[in-house]
Amino acid sequence: MKDNEKRFEEDIESHLINQEYRKLSMQGYDVSKGIYLDILVEFIKKTQSKSWERY
């Protein structure tokens, strides 16, 4: 990868992290489903709490 491409990626990552995005590792990532299940559950609990309580 060229240095300018690497720098561009780093700048984008930095901007997103400053906007409350999270940098994640592969730990907890379900490759077969293509998702972080724990983050999905956290999102559903926060955004659909009434529905979540039923389960």
N, C-alpha and C. Protein backbone atom coordinates (compact mmCIF):
# COMPACT_ATOMS: atom_id res chain seq x y z
N MET A 1 0.85 -1.17 0.00
CA MET A 1 0.00 0.00 0.00
C MET A 1 0.90 1.24 0.00
N LYS A 2 0.55 2.17 -0.80
CA LYS A 2 1.33 3.41 -0.88
C LYS A 2 1.15 4.22 0.40
N ASP A 3 2.17 5.00 0.72
CA ASP A 3 2.13 5.81 1.95
C ASP A 3 0.94 6.76 1.97
N ASN A 4 0.62 7.38 0.84
CA ASN A 4 -0.50 8.33 0.82
C ASN A 4 -1.84 7.63 1.01
N GLU A 5 -1.98 6.39 0.53
CA GLU A 5 -3.21 5.63 0.75
C GLU A 5 -3.34 5.26 2.22
N LYS A 6 -2.25 4.83 2.82
CA LYS A 6 -2.25 4.48 4.25
C LYS A 6 -2.64 5.69 5.09
N ARG A 7 -2.07 6.83 4.77
CA ARG A 7 -2.37 8.07 5.50
C ARG A 7 -3.85 8.44 5.34
N PHE A 8 -4.37 8.28 4.13
CA PHE A 8 -5.78 8.57 3.87
C PHE A 8 -6.68 7.68 4.73
N GLU A 9 -6.38 6.38 4.78
CA GLU A 9 -7.15 5.47 5.61
C GLU A 9 -7.07 5.85 7.09
N GLU A 10 -5.90 6.23 7.55
CA GLU A 10 -5.72 6.64 8.94
C GLU A 10 -6.53 7.89 9.25
N ASP A 11 -6.56 8.84 8.31
CA ASP A 11 -7.34 10.07 8.50
C ASP A 11 -8.83 9.77 8.59
N ILE A 12 -9.32 8.89 7.73
CA ILE A 12 -10.74 8.52 7.77
C ILE A 12 -11.06 7.83 9.09
N GLU A 13 -10.22 6.89 9.48
CA GLU A 13 -10.44 6.18 10.75
C GLU A 13 -10.46 7.15 11.93
N SER A 14 -9.52 8.06 11.95
CA SER A 14 -9.44 9.05 13.03
C SER A 14 -10.71 9.90 13.08
N HIS A 15 -11.17 10.34 11.93
CA HIS A 15 -12.39 11.16 11.87
C HIS A 15 -13.59 10.38 12.41
N LEU A 16 -13.74 9.13 11.98
CA LEU A 16 -14.88 8.33 12.43
C LEU A 16 -14.83 8.08 13.94
N ILE A 17 -13.65 7.79 14.46
CA ILE A 17 -13.51 7.57 15.90
C ILE A 17 -13.86 8.83 16.67
N ASN A 18 -13.51 9.98 16.14
CA ASN A 18 -13.87 11.25 16.79
C ASN A 18 -15.36 11.55 16.72
N GLN A 19 -16.07 10.84 15.86
CA GLN A 19 -17.52 10.99 15.74
C GLN A 19 -18.27 9.89 16.50
N GLU A 20 -17.60 9.27 17.46
CA GLU A 20 -18.16 8.24 18.34
C GLU A 20 -18.28 6.86 17.71
N TYR A 21 -17.61 6.64 16.59
CA TYR A 21 -17.49 5.28 16.09
C TYR A 21 -16.46 4.55 16.92
N ARG A 22 -16.51 3.23 16.92
CA ARG A 22 -15.56 2.43 17.69
C ARG A 22 -14.66 1.64 16.77
N LYS A 23 -13.40 1.57 17.12
CA LYS A 23 -12.47 0.71 16.40
C LYS A 23 -12.55 -0.66 17.05
N LEU A 24 -12.83 -1.67 16.25
CA LEU A 24 -13.06 -3.01 16.78
C LEU A 24 -11.97 -3.97 16.31
N SER A 25 -11.72 -4.96 17.14
CA SER A 25 -10.82 -6.03 16.75
C SER A 25 -11.68 -7.17 16.18
N MET A 26 -11.04 -8.22 15.77
CA MET A 26 -11.79 -9.37 15.25
C MET A 26 -12.38 -10.22 16.37
N GLN A 27 -11.98 -9.95 17.60
CA GLN A 27 -12.53 -10.71 18.72
C GLN A 27 -14.03 -10.43 18.84
N GLY A 28 -14.80 -11.48 18.88
CA GLY A 28 -16.25 -11.34 18.98
C GLY A 28 -16.95 -11.25 17.64
N TYR A 29 -16.19 -11.21 16.55
CA TYR A 29 -16.78 -11.12 15.21
C TYR A 29 -17.13 -12.51 14.72
N ASP A 30 -18.37 -12.73 14.34
CA ASP A 30 -18.82 -14.01 13.80
C ASP A 30 -18.64 -13.97 12.28
N VAL A 31 -17.60 -14.63 11.81
CA VAL A 31 -17.27 -14.61 10.39
C VAL A 31 -18.39 -15.22 9.55
N SER A 32 -18.97 -16.30 10.00
CA SER A 32 -20.00 -16.97 9.20
C SER A 32 -21.26 -16.12 9.04
N LYS A 33 -21.55 -15.28 10.03
CA LYS A 33 -22.73 -14.41 9.96
C LYS A 33 -22.37 -12.99 9.52
N GLY A 34 -21.09 -12.65 9.60
CA GLY A 34 -20.66 -11.31 9.20
C GLY A 34 -21.12 -10.22 10.14
N ILE A 35 -21.09 -10.50 11.46
CA ILE A 35 -21.62 -9.53 12.41
C ILE A 35 -20.96 -9.69 13.78
N TYR A 36 -20.94 -8.62 14.52
CA TYR A 36 -20.57 -8.64 15.94
C TYR A 36 -21.88 -8.80 16.71
N LEU A 37 -22.18 -10.02 17.14
CA LEU A 37 -23.47 -10.30 17.77
C LEU A 37 -23.66 -9.49 19.05
N ASP A 38 -22.61 -9.34 19.86
CA ASP A 38 -22.76 -8.59 21.11
C ASP A 38 -23.08 -7.12 20.85
N ILE A 39 -22.54 -6.56 19.79
CA ILE A 39 -22.83 -5.16 19.46
C ILE A 39 -24.26 -5.04 18.92
N LEU A 40 -24.70 -6.02 18.16
CA LEU A 40 -26.08 -6.01 17.67
C LEU A 40 -27.06 -6.05 18.83
N VAL A 41 -26.81 -6.94 19.79
CA VAL A 41 -27.70 -7.04 20.96
C VAL A 41 -27.69 -5.74 21.73
N GLU A 42 -26.52 -5.14 21.93
CA GLU A 42 -26.42 -3.86 22.63
C GLU A 42 -27.24 -2.78 21.92
N PHE A 43 -27.15 -2.74 20.58
CA PHE A 43 -27.90 -1.76 19.79
C PHE A 43 -29.41 -1.97 19.93
N ILE A 44 -29.84 -3.22 19.84
CA ILE A 44 -31.27 -3.51 19.96
C ILE A 44 -31.78 -3.13 21.35
N LYS A 45 -31.02 -3.45 22.39
CA LYS A 45 -31.44 -3.08 23.75
C LYS A 45 -31.61 -1.57 23.89
N LYS A 46 -30.70 -0.80 23.29
CA LYS A 46 -30.76 0.66 23.41
C LYS A 46 -31.87 1.27 22.58
N THR A 47 -32.12 0.73 21.40
CA THR A 47 -33.05 1.38 20.48
C THR A 47 -34.45 0.79 20.49
N GLN A 48 -34.59 -0.42 21.05
CA GLN A 48 -35.90 -1.08 21.04
C GLN A 48 -36.13 -1.75 22.39
N SER A 49 -35.94 -0.98 23.43
CA SER A 49 -35.97 -1.54 24.79
C SER A 49 -37.30 -2.21 25.15
N LYS A 50 -38.41 -1.64 24.72
CA LYS A 50 -39.70 -2.25 25.04
C LYS A 50 -39.84 -3.62 24.41
N SER A 51 -39.46 -3.74 23.16
CA SER A 51 -39.51 -5.04 22.47
C SER A 51 -38.54 -6.02 23.10
N TRP A 52 -37.37 -5.54 23.48
CA TRP A 52 -36.35 -6.41 24.07
C TRP A 52 -36.83 -6.99 25.39
N GLU A 53 -37.54 -6.20 26.19
CA GLU A 53 -38.03 -6.66 27.50
C GLU A 53 -38.97 -7.85 27.37
N ARG A 54 -39.67 -7.96 26.26
CA ARG A 54 -40.57 -9.07 26.05
C ARG A 54 -39.83 -10.40 25.94
N TYR A 55 -38.56 -10.34 25.59
CA TYR A 55 -37.77 -11.56 25.42
C TYR A 55 -36.97 -11.78 26.65
